[in-house]
Each structure stands twice: as structure tokens, then as C-alpha cells.
């Protein structure tokens, strides 16, 4: 939970800092090549980023908080009956809660990169995403894909017996 709290706070701090650094005219959308293709005001851009960051943070926090209370019937898991027979329902809920917090942290880091890259795009004079955003986004995609593979192949492997 600490990592999730720190990464979400970092994303919100990035939004606050961006409000002081962004010019009045801000790129609000970028094409596949990284060039800005839509524009808005600083107020609308900061408001949208703040709402997105806070909303995702709240969503993941609420889901993680409620996970220990979720009915076993609502959980969709391969071999669910074997987990139940082994008496591991609470362990599954704990793992799912951890997964939600991990994904929430990853989303917060992506939001931080997006906010920072928007500031960088406006201050560089190119109005395009900086090279490092593509590196960060690719790293995020690889990390998410790796975590999903880990959960499917290792973390939720059927219990022995």
C-alpha cells in the first residue's frame, strides 16, 4: 500500500507542478508520431489530468480496500474450486489486492510520465512528446505484460493436491 500511496502522490505532485509550468495553450493530444494534434487551455489540461490521476487513484484504492470483503462467488479464477478446497480463499483475496495496488502504482507512474512529458513538450518549443516518453511508455507496456504473464503462469498456478 505504501508504494501505491507514494506513486499516486507523486503523480498528483506532478500535476500541481505542471500547473505552474505550462503555458496558457497546451497540447492535449499527441499523434502516433508524438506531434501535438489538438490543443486546449492550461486550466482544462490540468483539470483533466488532476481528475484522471485522482480518479484512478481513488478507484484502485477503493477496489483494493474492498477486495478482502469480496464474495468468493464474484472471483473469477482458473481452478477456483481447487483454491477453495485448499482453504486459500483469503490468500487469493490478498493476492488480488496486491495485484490491484501494483496496477494502480503502474498507472500512477504512467500518469506522472504523461504529465511531465506534456510540460516538456511545451517548454521544448517542439510541441512534440520527448523521446523519453516513448521509452517510459514502452517500459510500462513491458512491465504490465510481464506482470500479467507472471500472474497467469506463476502467481495463480493451481495449488498442489
Protein backbone atom coordinates (compact mmCIF):
# COMPACT_ATOMS: atom_id res chain seq x y z
CA UNK A 1 0.00 0.00 0.00
CA UNK A 2 2.92 2.34 0.68
CA UNK A 3 4.23 2.11 -2.90
CA UNK A 4 0.75 2.83 -4.25
CA UNK A 5 0.35 5.84 -1.96
CA UNK A 6 3.77 7.23 -2.88
CA UNK A 7 3.32 6.79 -6.65
CA UNK A 8 -0.17 8.30 -6.57
CA UNK A 9 1.09 11.25 -4.50
CA UNK A 10 3.98 11.69 -6.95
CA UNK A 11 1.52 11.78 -9.87
CA UNK A 12 -0.59 14.41 -8.09
CA UNK A 13 2.50 16.49 -7.29
CA UNK A 14 3.44 16.34 -10.99
CA UNK A 15 0.01 17.75 -11.86
CA UNK A 16 0.39 20.59 -9.33
CA UNK A 17 3.87 21.43 -10.62
CA UNK A 18 2.62 21.29 -14.22
CA UNK A 19 0.02 23.93 -13.37
CA UNK A 20 2.84 26.36 -12.64
CA UNK A 21 4.98 25.43 -15.66
CA UNK A 22 2.52 25.02 -18.51
CA UNK A 23 1.78 27.94 -20.83
CA UNK A 24 -1.81 29.04 -21.46
CA UNK A 25 -2.01 27.00 -24.69
CA UNK A 26 -1.27 23.31 -24.06
CA UNK A 27 -1.18 20.26 -26.33
CA UNK A 28 -3.94 17.94 -25.14
CA UNK A 29 -3.46 15.12 -27.61
CA UNK A 30 -0.50 13.71 -29.47
CA UNK A 31 -0.47 11.60 -32.63
CA UNK A 32 1.35 8.30 -33.01
CA UNK A 33 4.46 10.19 -34.12
CA UNK A 34 4.43 12.24 -30.92
CA UNK A 35 3.41 15.52 -32.57
CA UNK A 36 0.69 17.56 -30.90
CA UNK A 37 -2.54 17.39 -32.89
CA UNK A 38 -5.02 19.00 -30.50
CA UNK A 39 -4.76 21.95 -28.15
CA UNK A 40 -6.53 23.27 -25.10
CA UNK A 41 -6.08 25.67 -22.23
CA UNK A 42 -3.78 25.15 -19.26
CA UNK A 43 -6.82 25.07 -16.98
CA UNK A 44 -8.58 22.35 -18.96
CA UNK A 45 -5.41 20.27 -19.32
CA UNK A 46 -4.53 20.48 -15.63
CA UNK A 47 -8.13 19.82 -14.59
CA UNK A 48 -8.36 16.75 -16.81
CA UNK A 49 -5.01 15.38 -15.63
CA UNK A 50 -5.86 16.03 -11.97
CA UNK A 51 -9.26 14.35 -12.34
CA UNK A 52 -7.73 11.38 -14.17
CA UNK A 53 -4.94 10.95 -11.63
CA UNK A 54 -7.15 11.40 -8.57
CA UNK A 55 -9.95 9.31 -10.06
CA UNK A 56 -7.72 6.37 -10.93
CA UNK A 57 -6.02 6.60 -7.55
CA UNK A 58 -9.38 6.57 -5.77
CA UNK A 59 -10.69 3.72 -7.91
CA UNK A 60 -7.71 1.46 -7.25
CA UNK A 61 -7.67 2.38 -3.54
CA UNK A 62 -11.37 1.55 -3.10
CA UNK A 63 -11.07 -1.70 -5.05
CA UNK A 64 -8.03 -2.77 -3.03
CA UNK A 65 -9.71 -1.84 0.23
CA UNK A 66 -12.83 -3.83 -0.63
CA UNK A 67 -11.04 -6.90 -2.01
CA UNK A 68 -10.81 -8.74 1.35
CA UNK A 69 -14.62 -8.47 1.64
CA UNK A 70 -15.47 -9.63 -1.89
CA UNK A 71 -17.69 -12.69 -2.04
CA UNK A 72 -15.89 -15.80 -3.30
CA UNK A 73 -18.68 -16.15 -5.88
CA UNK A 74 -17.56 -12.91 -7.56
CA UNK A 75 -13.97 -14.04 -8.01
CA UNK A 76 -13.13 -15.47 -11.43
CA UNK A 77 -10.05 -17.65 -11.22
CA UNK A 78 -8.94 -20.76 -13.11
CA UNK A 79 -9.28 -23.76 -10.84
CA UNK A 80 -11.24 -21.73 -8.31
CA UNK A 81 -12.68 -24.86 -6.72
CA UNK A 82 -9.19 -26.23 -6.00
CA UNK A 83 -8.24 -22.96 -4.28
CA UNK A 84 -11.40 -23.23 -2.18
CA UNK A 85 -10.79 -26.89 -1.34
CA UNK A 86 -7.31 -25.96 -0.12
CA UNK A 87 -8.86 -23.26 2.10
CA UNK A 88 -6.99 -20.49 0.28
CA UNK A 89 -9.81 -18.01 -0.36
CA UNK A 90 -8.28 -15.35 1.88
CA UNK A 91 -4.88 -15.87 0.24
CA UNK A 92 -6.46 -15.32 -3.19
CA UNK A 93 -8.14 -12.13 -1.99
CA UNK A 94 -4.82 -10.92 -0.56
CA UNK A 95 -3.05 -11.62 -3.85
CA UNK A 96 -5.78 -9.86 -5.84
CA UNK A 97 -5.50 -6.84 -3.53
CA UNK A 98 -1.74 -6.77 -4.07
CA UNK A 99 -2.29 -7.01 -7.84
CA UNK A 100 -4.70 -4.07 -7.77
CA UNK A 101 -2.23 -1.94 -5.83
CA UNK A 102 0.59 -2.89 -8.22
CA UNK A 103 -1.50 -1.96 -11.25
CA UNK A 104 -2.62 1.27 -9.57
CA UNK A 105 1.02 2.15 -8.93
CA UNK A 106 1.88 1.44 -12.56
CA UNK A 107 -0.98 3.68 -13.72
CA UNK A 108 0.19 6.47 -11.40
CA UNK A 109 3.70 6.23 -12.84
CA UNK A 110 2.32 6.37 -16.38
CA UNK A 111 0.27 9.46 -15.44
CA UNK A 112 3.40 11.06 -13.98
CA UNK A 113 5.27 10.42 -17.23
CA UNK A 114 2.39 11.78 -19.30
CA UNK A 115 2.09 14.95 -17.21
CA UNK A 116 5.85 15.52 -17.23
CA UNK A 117 6.13 14.88 -20.96
CA UNK A 118 3.35 17.38 -21.68
CA UNK A 119 5.29 20.01 -19.74
CA UNK A 120 8.46 19.00 -21.59
CA UNK A 121 6.67 19.23 -24.96
CA UNK A 122 5.50 22.79 -24.29
CA UNK A 123 8.80 24.01 -22.89
CA UNK A 124 10.98 22.46 -25.60
CA UNK A 125 9.43 24.53 -28.36
CA UNK A 126 8.79 21.45 -30.50
CA UNK A 127 5.26 20.79 -29.20
CA UNK A 128 6.02 17.10 -29.54
CA UNK A 129 6.45 14.38 -26.99
CA UNK A 130 10.04 13.96 -25.81
CA UNK A 131 11.92 10.80 -26.74
CA UNK A 132 11.96 9.62 -23.16
CA UNK A 133 8.15 9.38 -23.06
CA UNK A 134 8.23 6.62 -25.67
CA UNK A 135 10.87 4.82 -23.64
CA UNK A 136 8.76 5.19 -20.47
CA UNK A 137 5.61 4.06 -22.26
CA UNK A 138 7.35 1.03 -23.74
CA UNK A 139 8.77 0.15 -20.32
CA UNK A 140 5.26 0.48 -18.85
CA UNK A 141 3.81 -1.83 -21.53
CA UNK A 142 6.54 -4.41 -20.97
CA UNK A 143 6.09 -4.24 -17.19
CA UNK A 144 2.31 -4.64 -17.45
CA UNK A 145 2.60 -7.53 -19.91
CA UNK A 146 5.24 -9.17 -17.73
CA UNK A 147 3.10 -8.81 -14.62
CA UNK A 148 0.05 -10.25 -16.37
CA UNK A 149 2.15 -13.19 -17.59
CA UNK A 150 3.55 -13.66 -14.07
CA UNK A 151 0.08 -13.71 -12.54
CA UNK A 152 -1.21 -16.19 -15.09
CA UNK A 153 1.77 -18.53 -15.15
CA UNK A 154 3.11 -18.36 -11.59
CA UNK A 155 1.08 -16.37 -9.09
CA UNK A 156 -2.25 -18.12 -9.67
CA UNK A 157 -0.93 -21.54 -10.62
CA UNK A 158 -3.27 -24.18 -9.24
CA UNK A 159 -2.36 -25.33 -5.74
CA UNK A 160 -0.91 -28.81 -5.47
CA UNK A 161 -3.26 -31.56 -4.48
